[in-house]
Protein backbone atom coordinates (compact mmCIF):
# COMPACT_ATOMS: atom_id res chain seq x y z
CA UNK A 1 0.00 0.00 0.00
CA UNK A 2 2.89 2.37 0.64
CA UNK A 3 3.87 2.06 -3.00
CA UNK A 4 0.30 2.81 -4.09
CA UNK A 5 0.27 5.88 -1.86
CA UNK A 6 3.44 7.06 -3.60
CA UNK A 7 1.67 6.68 -6.95
CA UNK A 8 3.67 3.70 -8.18
CA UNK A 9 2.30 1.81 -11.16
CA UNK A 10 1.75 -1.94 -11.06
CA UNK A 11 4.94 -2.36 -13.09
CA UNK A 12 6.92 -0.23 -10.63
CA UNK A 13 5.49 -2.17 -7.68
CA UNK A 14 6.48 -5.45 -9.34
CA UNK A 15 10.03 -4.23 -9.90
CA UNK A 16 10.38 -2.83 -6.38
CA UNK A 17 9.14 -6.04 -4.74
CA UNK A 18 10.75 -8.45 -7.24
CA UNK A 19 7.37 -9.89 -8.24
CA UNK A 20 5.77 -10.54 -11.59
CA UNK A 21 3.24 -8.05 -12.89
CA UNK A 22 0.56 -10.75 -12.71
CA UNK A 23 1.31 -11.40 -9.04
CA UNK A 24 0.97 -7.71 -8.24
CA UNK A 25 -2.40 -7.60 -10.01
CA UNK A 26 -3.65 -10.63 -8.07
CA UNK A 27 -2.44 -9.22 -4.75
CA UNK A 28 -4.07 -5.85 -5.44
CA UNK A 29 -7.38 -7.46 -6.39
CA UNK A 30 -7.31 -9.42 -3.11
CA UNK A 31 -6.55 -6.26 -1.14
CA UNK A 32 -9.40 -4.44 -2.91
CA UNK A 33 -11.78 -7.29 -2.04
CA UNK A 34 -10.77 -7.19 1.64
CA UNK A 35 -11.28 -3.43 1.73
CA UNK A 36 -14.59 -3.72 -0.13
CA UNK A 37 -13.50 -1.44 -2.96
CA UNK A 38 -13.09 -1.77 -6.71
CA UNK A 39 -10.37 0.71 -7.62
CA UNK A 40 -6.96 1.98 -6.63
CA UNK A 41 -8.40 5.36 -5.66
CA UNK A 42 -11.08 3.81 -3.47
CA UNK A 43 -8.45 1.60 -1.83
CA UNK A 44 -6.28 4.60 -0.98
CA UNK A 45 -9.26 6.42 0.53
CA UNK A 46 -10.27 3.34 2.55
CA UNK A 47 -6.74 2.82 3.87
CA UNK A 48 -6.56 6.47 4.91
CA UNK A 49 -9.99 6.38 6.59
CA UNK A 50 -9.12 3.18 8.44
CA UNK A 51 -5.79 4.61 9.56
CA UNK A 52 -3.89 1.62 8.19
CA UNK A 53 -0.96 3.71 6.98
CA UNK A 54 0.58 6.90 8.24
CA UNK A 55 0.39 9.22 5.24
PDB file of N, CA and C in Angstrom:
ATOM      1  N   UNK A   1       0.819  -1.185   0.000  1.00  0.00           N
ATOM      2  CA  UNK A   1       0.000   0.000   0.000  1.00  0.00           C
ATOM      3  C   UNK A   1       0.869   1.257   0.000  1.00  0.00           C
ATOM      4  N   UNK A   2       2.014   1.184   0.642  1.00  0.00           N
ATOM      5  CA  UNK A   2       2.886   2.367   0.643  1.00  0.00           C
ATOM      6  C   UNK A   2       3.297   2.753  -0.777  1.00  0.00           C
ATOM      7  N   UNK A   3       3.511   1.766  -1.616  1.00  0.00           N
ATOM      8  CA  UNK A   3       3.874   2.061  -2.999  1.00  0.00           C
ATOM      9  C   UNK A   3       2.698   2.670  -3.756  1.00  0.00           C
ATOM     10  N   UNK A   4       1.496   2.216  -3.470  1.00  0.00           N
ATOM     11  CA  UNK A   4       0.305   2.810  -4.090  1.00  0.00           C
ATOM     12  C   UNK A   4       0.161   4.264  -3.668  1.00  0.00           C
ATOM     13  N   UNK A   5       0.380   4.519  -2.383  1.00  0.00           N
ATOM     14  CA  UNK A   5       0.271   5.880  -1.862  1.00  0.00           C
ATOM     15  C   UNK A   5       1.256   6.795  -2.581  1.00  0.00           C
ATOM     16  N   UNK A   6       2.430   6.266  -2.893  1.00  0.00           N
ATOM     17  CA  UNK A   6       3.440   7.060  -3.602  1.00  0.00           C
ATOM     18  C   UNK A   6       3.119   7.223  -5.079  1.00  0.00           C
ATOM     19  N   UNK A   7       2.066   6.538  -5.552  1.00  0.00           N
ATOM     20  CA  UNK A   7       1.668   6.680  -6.949  1.00  0.00           C
ATOM     21  C   UNK A   7       2.372   5.718  -7.888  1.00  0.00           C
ATOM     22  N   UNK A   8       2.965   4.664  -7.349  1.00  0.00           N
ATOM     23  CA  UNK A   8       3.675   3.697  -8.179  1.00  0.00           C
ATOM     24  C   UNK A   8       2.696   2.906  -9.053  1.00  0.00           C
ATOM     25  N   UNK A   9       3.104   2.632 -10.267  1.00  0.00           N
ATOM     26  CA  UNK A   9       2.302   1.807 -11.162  1.00  0.00           C
ATOM     27  C   UNK A   9       2.468   0.340 -10.780  1.00  0.00           C
ATOM     28  N   UNK A  10       1.621  -0.505 -11.323  1.00  0.00           N
ATOM     29  CA  UNK A  10       1.747  -1.939 -11.060  1.00  0.00           C
ATOM     30  C   UNK A  10       3.127  -2.439 -11.473  1.00  0.00           C
ATOM     31  N   UNK A  11       3.619  -1.953 -12.601  1.00  0.00           N
ATOM     32  CA  UNK A  11       4.941  -2.359 -13.092  1.00  0.00           C
ATOM     33  C   UNK A  11       6.037  -1.939 -12.110  1.00  0.00           C
ATOM     34  N   UNK A  12       5.929  -0.728 -11.597  1.00  0.00           N
ATOM     35  CA  UNK A  12       6.919  -0.235 -10.630  1.00  0.00           C
ATOM     36  C   UNK A  12       6.864  -1.028  -9.329  1.00  0.00           C
ATOM     37  N   UNK A  13       5.650  -1.362  -8.889  1.00  0.00           N
ATOM     38  CA  UNK A  13       5.491  -2.173  -7.683  1.00  0.00           C
ATOM     39  C   UNK A  13       6.141  -3.536  -7.885  1.00  0.00           C
ATOM     40  N   UNK A  14       5.895  -4.142  -9.037  1.00  0.00           N
ATOM     41  CA  UNK A  14       6.477  -5.453  -9.343  1.00  0.00           C
ATOM     42  C   UNK A  14       8.000  -5.388  -9.296  1.00  0.00           C
ATOM     43  N   UNK A  15       8.571  -4.368  -9.892  1.00  0.00           N
ATOM     44  CA  UNK A  15      10.028  -4.232  -9.905  1.00  0.00           C
ATOM     45  C   UNK A  15      10.574  -4.013  -8.497  1.00  0.00           C
ATOM     46  N   UNK A  16       9.924  -3.152  -7.743  1.00  0.00           N
ATOM     47  CA  UNK A  16      10.379  -2.831  -6.380  1.00  0.00           C
ATOM     48  C   UNK A  16      10.349  -4.049  -5.472  1.00  0.00           C
ATOM     49  N   UNK A  17       9.309  -4.888  -5.628  1.00  0.00           N
ATOM     50  CA  UNK A  17       9.143  -6.043  -4.742  1.00  0.00           C
ATOM     51  C   UNK A  17       9.647  -7.356  -5.355  1.00  0.00           C
ATOM     52  N   UNK A  18      10.245  -7.272  -6.528  1.00  0.00           N
ATOM     53  CA  UNK A  18      10.751  -8.451  -7.238  1.00  0.00           C
ATOM     54  C   UNK A  18       9.657  -9.498  -7.452  1.00  0.00           C
ATOM     55  N   UNK A  19       8.503  -9.023  -7.939  1.00  0.00           N
ATOM     56  CA  UNK A  19       7.371  -9.885  -8.243  1.00  0.00           C
ATOM     57  C   UNK A  19       7.024  -9.739  -9.715  1.00  0.00           C
ATOM     58  N   UNK A  20       6.248 -10.687 -10.220  1.00  0.00           N
ATOM     59  CA  UNK A  20       5.771 -10.538 -11.594  1.00  0.00           C
ATOM     60  C   UNK A  20       4.610  -9.559 -11.595  1.00  0.00           C
ATOM     61  N   UNK A  21       4.355  -8.980 -12.747  1.00  0.00           N
ATOM     62  CA  UNK A  21       3.243  -8.050 -12.888  1.00  0.00           C
ATOM     63  C   UNK A  21       1.918  -8.745 -12.569  1.00  0.00           C
ATOM     64  N   UNK A  22       1.775  -9.988 -12.990  1.00  0.00           N
ATOM     65  CA  UNK A  22       0.564 -10.755 -12.708  1.00  0.00           C
ATOM     66  C   UNK A  22       0.345 -10.952 -11.219  1.00  0.00           C
ATOM     67  N   UNK A  23       1.412 -11.210 -10.489  1.00  0.00           N
ATOM     68  CA  UNK A  23       1.311 -11.398  -9.041  1.00  0.00           C
ATOM     69  C   UNK A  23       0.841 -10.119  -8.377  1.00  0.00           C
ATOM     70  N   UNK A  24       1.375  -8.997  -8.804  1.00  0.00           N
ATOM     71  CA  UNK A  24       0.965  -7.708  -8.245  1.00  0.00           C
ATOM     72  C   UNK A  24      -0.526  -7.482  -8.486  1.00  0.00           C
ATOM     73  N   UNK A  25      -0.981  -7.784  -9.686  1.00  0.00           N
ATOM     74  CA  UNK A  25      -2.399  -7.596 -10.006  1.00  0.00           C
ATOM     75  C   UNK A  25      -3.287  -8.480  -9.138  1.00  0.00           C
ATOM     76  N   UNK A  26      -2.878  -9.722  -8.922  1.00  0.00           N
ATOM     77  CA  UNK A  26      -3.652 -10.634  -8.068  1.00  0.00           C
ATOM     78  C   UNK A  26      -3.665 -10.121  -6.633  1.00  0.00           C
ATOM     79  N   UNK A  27      -2.508  -9.722  -6.124  1.00  0.00           N
ATOM     80  CA  UNK A  27      -2.436  -9.216  -4.753  1.00  0.00           C
ATOM     81  C   UNK A  27      -3.311  -7.984  -4.575  1.00  0.00           C
ATOM     82  N   UNK A  28      -3.262  -7.061  -5.545  1.00  0.00           N
ATOM     83  CA  UNK A  28      -4.074  -5.852  -5.440  1.00  0.00           C
ATOM     84  C   UNK A  28      -5.559  -6.179  -5.478  1.00  0.00           C
ATOM     85  N   UNK A  29      -5.955  -7.111  -6.330  1.00  0.00           N
ATOM     86  CA  UNK A  29      -7.379  -7.464  -6.389  1.00  0.00           C
ATOM     87  C   UNK A  29      -7.833  -8.074  -5.063  1.00  0.00           C
ATOM     88  N   UNK A  30      -6.976  -8.839  -4.419  1.00  0.00           N
ATOM     89  CA  UNK A  30      -7.313  -9.416  -3.111  1.00  0.00           C
ATOM     90  C   UNK A  30      -7.398  -8.336  -2.034  1.00  0.00           C
ATOM     91  N   UNK A  31      -6.506  -7.379  -2.088  1.00  0.00           N
ATOM     92  CA  UNK A  31      -6.553  -6.261  -1.142  1.00  0.00           C
ATOM     93  C   UNK A  31      -7.834  -5.463  -1.350  1.00  0.00           C
ATOM     94  N   UNK A  32      -8.175  -5.177  -2.608  1.00  0.00           N
ATOM     95  CA  UNK A  32      -9.405  -4.439  -2.907  1.00  0.00           C
ATOM     96  C   UNK A  32     -10.613  -5.183  -2.355  1.00  0.00           C
ATOM     97  N   UNK A  33     -10.649  -6.493  -2.520  1.00  0.00           N
ATOM     98  CA  UNK A  33     -11.779  -7.290  -2.037  1.00  0.00           C
ATOM     99  C   UNK A  33     -11.883  -7.189  -0.508  1.00  0.00           C
ATOM    100  N   UNK A  34     -10.754  -7.269   0.176  1.00  0.00           N
ATOM    101  CA  UNK A  34     -10.767  -7.192   1.640  1.00  0.00           C
ATOM    102  C   UNK A  34     -11.204  -5.816   2.130  1.00  0.00           C
ATOM    103  N   UNK A  35     -10.881  -4.785   1.363  1.00  0.00           N
ATOM    104  CA  UNK A  35     -11.281  -3.431   1.731  1.00  0.00           C
ATOM    105  C   UNK A  35     -12.699  -3.114   1.265  1.00  0.00           C
ATOM    106  N   UNK A  36     -13.246  -3.952   0.396  1.00  0.00           N
ATOM    107  CA  UNK A  36     -14.590  -3.721  -0.127  1.00  0.00           C
ATOM    108  C   UNK A  36     -14.644  -2.612  -1.149  1.00  0.00           C
ATOM    109  N   UNK A  37     -13.575  -2.488  -1.938  1.00  0.00           N
ATOM    110  CA  UNK A  37     -13.500  -1.443  -2.957  1.00  0.00           C
ATOM    111  C   UNK A  37     -13.222  -2.073  -4.322  1.00  0.00           C
ATOM    112  N   UNK A  38     -13.313  -1.243  -5.361  1.00  0.00           N
ATOM    113  CA  UNK A  38     -13.092  -1.773  -6.711  1.00  0.00           C
ATOM    114  C   UNK A  38     -12.018  -1.033  -7.495  1.00  0.00           C
ATOM    115  N   UNK A  39     -11.389  -0.041  -6.886  1.00  0.00           N
ATOM    116  CA  UNK A  39     -10.371   0.706  -7.620  1.00  0.00           C
ATOM    117  C   UNK A  39      -9.227   1.126  -6.704  1.00  0.00           C
ATOM    118  N   UNK A  40      -8.150   1.517  -7.344  1.00  0.00           N
ATOM    119  CA  UNK A  40      -6.956   1.985  -6.634  1.00  0.00           C
ATOM    120  C   UNK A  40      -7.288   3.220  -5.792  1.00  0.00           C
ATOM    121  N   UNK A  41      -8.034   4.140  -6.368  1.00  0.00           N
ATOM    122  CA  UNK A  41      -8.398   5.361  -5.660  1.00  0.00           C
ATOM    123  C   UNK A  41      -9.246   5.053  -4.436  1.00  0.00           C
ATOM    124  N   UNK A  42     -10.237   4.193  -4.595  1.00  0.00           N
ATOM    125  CA  UNK A  42     -11.083   3.808  -3.468  1.00  0.00           C
ATOM    126  C   UNK A  42     -10.252   3.112  -2.389  1.00  0.00           C
ATOM    127  N   UNK A  43      -9.303   2.297  -2.786  1.00  0.00           N
ATOM    128  CA  UNK A  43      -8.445   1.596  -1.826  1.00  0.00           C
ATOM    129  C   UNK A  43      -7.624   2.595  -1.017  1.00  0.00           C
ATOM    130  N   UNK A  44      -7.077   3.596  -1.681  1.00  0.00           N
ATOM    131  CA  UNK A  44      -6.279   4.601  -0.983  1.00  0.00           C
ATOM    132  C   UNK A  44      -7.129   5.387   0.015  1.00  0.00           C
ATOM    133  N   UNK A  45      -8.355   5.707  -0.373  1.00  0.00           N
ATOM    134  CA  UNK A  45      -9.261   6.419   0.530  1.00  0.00           C
ATOM    135  C   UNK A  45      -9.602   5.532   1.730  1.00  0.00           C
ATOM    136  N   UNK A  46      -9.911   4.265   1.473  1.00  0.00           N
ATOM    137  CA  UNK A  46     -10.266   3.340   2.553  1.00  0.00           C
ATOM    138  C   UNK A  46      -9.110   3.159   3.531  1.00  0.00           C
ATOM    139  N   UNK A  47      -7.920   3.003   3.019  1.00  0.00           N
ATOM    140  CA  UNK A  47      -6.741   2.825   3.866  1.00  0.00           C
ATOM    141  C   UNK A  47      -6.532   4.055   4.737  1.00  0.00           C
ATOM    142  N   UNK A  48      -6.719   5.226   4.156  1.00  0.00           N
ATOM    143  CA  UNK A  48      -6.558   6.469   4.911  1.00  0.00           C
ATOM    144  C   UNK A  48      -7.639   6.574   5.988  1.00  0.00           C
ATOM    145  N   UNK A  49      -8.883   6.287   5.620  1.00  0.00           N
ATOM    146  CA  UNK A  49      -9.987   6.380   6.591  1.00  0.00           C
ATOM    147  C   UNK A  49      -9.844   5.386   7.729  1.00  0.00           C
ATOM    148  N   UNK A  50      -9.304   4.202   7.427  1.00  0.00           N
ATOM    149  CA  UNK A  50      -9.118   3.180   8.443  1.00  0.00           C
ATOM    150  C   UNK A  50      -7.850   3.388   9.268  1.00  0.00           C
ATOM    151  N   UNK A  51      -7.023   4.328   8.843  1.00  0.00           N
ATOM    152  CA  UNK A  51      -5.787   4.609   9.559  1.00  0.00           C
ATOM    153  C   UNK A  51      -4.773   3.473   9.462  1.00  0.00           C
ATOM    154  N   UNK A  52      -4.785   2.759   8.346  1.00  0.00           N
ATOM    155  CA  UNK A  52      -3.889   1.621   8.187  1.00  0.00           C
ATOM    156  C   UNK A  52      -2.457   2.025   7.841  1.00  0.00           C
ATOM    157  N   UNK A  53      -2.299   3.212   7.302  1.00  0.00           N
ATOM    158  CA  UNK A  53      -0.963   3.712   6.979  1.00  0.00           C
ATOM    159  C   UNK A  53      -0.855   5.151   7.451  1.00  0.00           C
ATOM    160  N   UNK A  54       0.318   5.499   7.913  1.00  0.00           N
ATOM    161  CA  UNK A  54       0.578   6.898   8.238  1.00  0.00           C
ATOM    162  C   UNK A  54       0.967   7.586   6.949  1.00  0.00           C
ATOM    163  N   UNK A  55       0.143   8.535   6.525  1.00  0.00           N
ATOM    164  CA  UNK A  55       0.394   9.220   5.245  1.00  0.00           C
ATOM    165  C   UNK A  55       1.091  10.532   5.429  1.00  0.00           C
TER     166      UNK A  55
END
